[in-house]
Protein backbone atom coordinates (compact mmCIF):
# COMPACT_ATOMS: atom_id res chain seq x y z
CA MET A 1 163.27 84.26 123.44
CA LYS A 2 165.71 87.04 124.34
CA PRO A 3 168.49 87.85 121.82
CA LEU A 4 171.20 86.80 124.28
CA GLU A 5 169.49 83.44 124.88
CA SER A 6 169.06 82.91 121.14
CA LEU A 7 172.77 83.61 120.55
CA ALA A 8 173.71 81.21 123.36
CA ASP A 9 171.56 78.51 121.81
CA LEU A 10 173.26 78.98 118.45
CA LEU A 11 176.73 78.86 119.98
CA LEU A 12 175.89 75.77 122.02
CA GLY A 13 174.22 74.04 119.09
CA ALA A 14 170.86 73.56 120.83
CA CYS A 15 168.02 72.85 118.43
CA CYS A 16 164.50 71.51 118.27
CA PRO A 17 164.60 67.71 117.82
CA GLY A 18 161.59 67.88 115.53
CA CYS A 19 162.77 70.39 112.93
CA THR A 20 166.36 71.30 114.00
CA ALA A 21 165.44 74.98 114.39
CA PRO A 22 167.86 76.66 116.85
CA GLY A 23 166.51 76.84 120.39
CA LEU A 24 165.92 74.91 123.58
CA GLY A 25 163.32 72.18 123.72
CA ILE A 26 160.64 71.33 121.18
CA CYS A 27 159.70 74.47 119.29
CA GLN A 28 156.12 75.72 119.36
CA ALA A 29 155.58 74.93 115.68
CA CYS A 30 156.47 71.27 116.23
CA LEU A 31 154.34 71.06 119.36
CA ASP A 32 151.42 72.46 117.39
CA ALA A 33 152.04 69.92 114.62
CA VAL A 34 151.66 66.96 116.96
CA ASN A 35 147.99 66.30 117.58
CA PRO A 36 147.48 63.03 119.49
CA ALA A 37 144.31 61.42 118.17
CA PRO A 38 144.35 57.75 119.17
CA ARG A 39 142.85 55.37 116.66
CA VAL A 40 142.65 51.64 116.13
CA ILE A 41 144.93 50.88 113.20
CA LEU A 42 144.50 47.11 113.39
CA ASP A 43 141.38 45.38 114.71
CA GLY A 44 143.31 42.37 115.97
CA PRO A 45 142.92 40.45 118.13
CA PRO A 46 144.48 42.08 119.95
CA PRO A 47 143.63 45.56 118.61
CA VAL A 48 146.50 47.94 117.93
CA VAL A 49 146.06 51.59 118.92
CA ALA A 50 148.36 54.37 117.70
CA CYS A 51 148.45 57.85 119.21
CA VAL A 52 150.06 59.80 116.34
CA GLY A 53 151.41 59.23 112.85
CA TYR A 54 155.10 58.83 112.16
CA HIS A 55 155.51 62.00 110.13
CA GLY A 56 156.27 65.69 110.56
CA PRO A 57 158.37 66.26 113.70
CA MET A 58 157.75 62.81 115.22
CA PRO A 59 160.65 60.88 113.58
CA GLY A 60 163.15 63.46 114.78
CA ILE A 61 161.69 63.65 118.28
CA ILE A 62 161.54 59.88 118.73
CA THR A 63 165.05 59.39 117.33
CA ALA A 64 166.43 62.08 119.65
CA HIS A 65 164.83 60.37 122.66
CA LYS A 66 165.82 56.88 121.61
CA ASP A 67 169.30 57.28 120.16
CA ARG A 68 170.65 60.71 121.03
CA GLY A 69 170.29 60.76 124.79
CA ALA A 70 167.46 63.33 124.91
CA THR A 71 165.93 61.90 128.08
CA TRP A 72 164.32 65.29 128.74
CA LEU A 73 161.76 64.28 126.08
CA THR A 74 160.45 61.40 128.19
CA SER A 75 157.73 63.41 129.91
CA GLN A 76 156.39 64.86 126.67
CA LEU A 77 156.36 61.49 124.92
CA GLY A 78 154.65 60.00 127.96
CA GLN A 79 151.98 62.67 127.79
CA TRP A 80 151.29 61.92 124.12
CA LEU A 81 151.27 58.17 124.80
CA ALA A 82 148.79 58.66 127.64
CA HIS A 83 146.16 59.77 125.11
CA GLY A 84 145.99 56.22 123.77
CA LEU A 85 146.96 54.29 126.88
CA GLY A 86 144.26 55.87 129.06
CA PRO A 87 141.30 54.56 127.02
CA ALA A 88 142.96 51.14 126.70
CA ILE A 89 143.26 50.90 130.48
CA ALA A 90 139.69 52.11 130.94
CA ALA A 91 138.45 49.35 128.60
CA ALA A 92 140.12 46.60 130.69
CA PRO A 93 137.75 44.49 132.83
CA GLY A 94 139.90 45.00 135.91
CA HIS A 95 143.48 45.63 136.93
CA VAL A 96 145.90 45.44 134.00
CA ASP A 97 149.67 45.23 133.73
CA VAL A 98 151.20 47.60 131.17
CA VAL A 99 154.17 45.90 129.54
CA PRO A 100 156.77 47.91 127.57
CA VAL A 101 158.54 46.18 124.71
CA PRO A 102 162.13 45.72 125.92
CA SER A 103 165.21 47.05 124.21
CA SER A 104 168.13 44.66 123.82
CA ASN A 105 170.75 44.61 126.56
CA ARG A 106 173.26 46.01 124.09
CA ALA A 107 170.95 48.91 123.20
CA VAL A 108 170.34 49.70 126.87
CA ARG A 109 174.07 49.73 127.55
CA ARG A 110 174.68 52.00 124.57
CA ARG A 111 171.83 54.39 125.34
CA GLY A 112 172.06 54.25 129.12
CA VAL A 113 168.27 53.94 129.35
CA ASP A 114 165.42 51.69 128.27
CA HIS A 115 163.42 54.28 126.36
CA ALA A 116 160.14 52.35 126.02
CA ALA A 117 160.03 51.58 129.73
CA ASP A 118 160.75 55.21 130.64
CA MET A 119 158.04 56.44 128.26
CA THR A 120 155.52 53.94 129.64
CA ARG A 121 156.29 54.93 133.22
CA SER A 122 155.85 58.59 132.30
CA ALA A 123 152.47 57.91 130.64
CA LEU A 124 151.21 56.13 133.74
CA GLN A 125 152.37 59.04 135.89
CA TRP A 126 150.40 61.42 133.67
CA LEU A 127 147.31 59.21 133.95
CA ALA A 128 147.64 58.61 137.70
CA VAL A 129 145.36 55.56 137.59
CA ARG A 130 145.20 52.78 140.16
CA GLU A 131 143.89 50.23 137.69
CA ALA A 132 147.22 49.77 135.92
CA THR A 133 150.81 49.02 136.86
CA MET A 134 153.89 48.90 134.68
CA ALA A 135 155.33 45.38 134.61
CA ARG A 136 158.57 44.49 132.86
CA LEU A 137 157.49 40.97 131.97
CA LEU A 138 159.27 40.75 128.62
CA HIS A 139 162.96 40.00 128.14
CA ARG A 140 165.13 39.72 125.06
CA THR A 141 166.63 36.32 124.36
CA ARG A 142 168.95 37.52 121.58
CA GLN A 143 170.15 40.65 119.82
CA VAL A 144 167.93 42.24 117.18
CA ALA A 145 168.40 45.12 114.77
CA ASP A 146 166.26 48.25 114.94
CA GLN A 147 163.15 47.54 112.86
CA LEU A 148 163.43 50.89 111.08
CA GLU A 149 166.83 49.79 109.77
CA VAL A 150 165.67 46.40 108.46
CA ARG A 151 164.08 45.69 105.08
CA ASP A 152 160.34 45.02 105.13
CA ASP A 153 160.76 41.38 104.14
CA GLN A 154 163.29 40.77 106.95
CA ARG A 155 161.44 42.32 109.89
CA GLY A 156 159.59 39.17 110.85
CA ASP A 157 162.77 37.10 110.97
CA ASN A 158 164.53 39.87 112.88
CA GLN A 159 162.04 39.65 115.76
CA ARG A 160 160.86 36.05 115.66
CA GLY A 161 161.82 34.13 118.80
CA SER A 162 163.64 37.12 120.29
CA MET A 163 161.57 37.49 123.49
CA ARG A 164 160.47 35.49 126.49
CA ALA A 165 157.99 36.48 129.18
CA ASP A 166 157.81 35.80 132.89
CA PRO A 167 155.09 33.20 133.56
CA GLY A 168 151.85 34.37 135.11
CA ARG A 169 148.15 35.03 134.70
CA GLY A 170 146.22 38.21 134.07
CA ASP A 171 145.50 40.92 131.54
CA VAL A 172 148.24 42.98 129.93
CA ILE A 173 148.59 45.90 127.52
CA VAL A 174 151.74 45.99 125.38
CA VAL A 175 153.40 49.38 124.75
CA ASP A 176 155.99 50.35 122.13
CA ASP A 177 157.24 53.59 120.60
CA VAL A 178 156.92 53.00 116.83
CA ARG A 179 155.01 50.36 114.88
CA THR A 180 156.67 49.53 111.57
CA SER A 181 155.62 46.12 110.22
CA GLY A 182 154.01 44.90 113.44
CA ALA A 183 156.59 42.13 113.86
CA THR A 184 157.82 43.42 117.23
CA ALA A 185 154.33 43.54 118.70
CA ASP A 186 153.56 40.10 117.28
CA GLU A 187 156.62 38.66 118.99
CA ALA A 188 155.72 40.36 122.29
CA CYS A 189 152.20 38.93 122.12
CA ARG A 190 153.52 35.47 121.28
CA ALA A 191 155.87 35.45 124.28
CA LEU A 192 153.26 36.79 126.70
CA THR A 193 150.48 34.47 125.53
CA ARG A 194 152.77 31.45 125.68
CA SER A 195 153.61 32.32 129.30
CA GLY A 196 149.96 32.53 130.36
CA TRP A 197 149.06 36.22 129.95
CA ARG A 198 146.10 37.63 128.04
CA VAL A 199 147.02 40.55 125.78
CA LEU A 200 144.08 42.97 125.68
CA SER A 201 145.61 45.52 123.30
CA ILE A 202 148.79 47.03 121.93
CA VAL A 203 149.36 50.78 122.25
CA VAL A 204 152.10 52.46 120.24
CA LEU A 205 153.10 56.09 120.32
CA ALA A 206 153.49 56.41 116.53
CA ASP A 207 152.45 54.37 113.52
CA ALA A 208 154.90 54.08 110.63
CA ALA A 209 153.21 51.02 109.13
CA THR A 210 150.35 52.73 107.30
CA ALA A 211 149.95 55.76 105.09
CA THR A 212 147.21 57.14 107.32
CA ARG A 213 147.79 60.79 108.15
CA TRP A 214 146.91 62.24 111.50
CA PRO A 215 145.40 65.75 111.57
């Protein structure tokens, strides 16, 4: 970076969302620290696949995208998510609907976007597959708190009964950004299964529920 650009970044307050180092975009050190290596973190059924761990620069990057209006991160998050979503789609017996976990109406109004849906759409664009289509089948029936802000013993109650799904038939893959206790994914699966869908797998960008470290 040129000295003039570096000074401008400092004056404007631009910084890396992963480590807060001054500069535009995600810094190279943080990009190098994120190594998508999808793995099954829960056998299921349905199995849960995570692309990265929730450590290092990931909490800052996800928070910036989700709560600080950094929509410019959508493409990068979609690319990382595609590492796990691609194999999940390939394992489906036929066409599959990819269903993002919905934010609450209040959260969408506050943020101006539905971050999980945008990230899912981006991942599918990166994959460019015909076998999968994003489908917004899930809807919130009441307000919920962010799972990362709720005590472990309250996360189930926070999500339970908070979603409904459009009725239908077919195979679906559920997508979310961060897995904490698994309560959100459980509620999504409950609503989809009750409405006639078959959940093949759950793919999350980052896993905060286990102590497993990604390389």
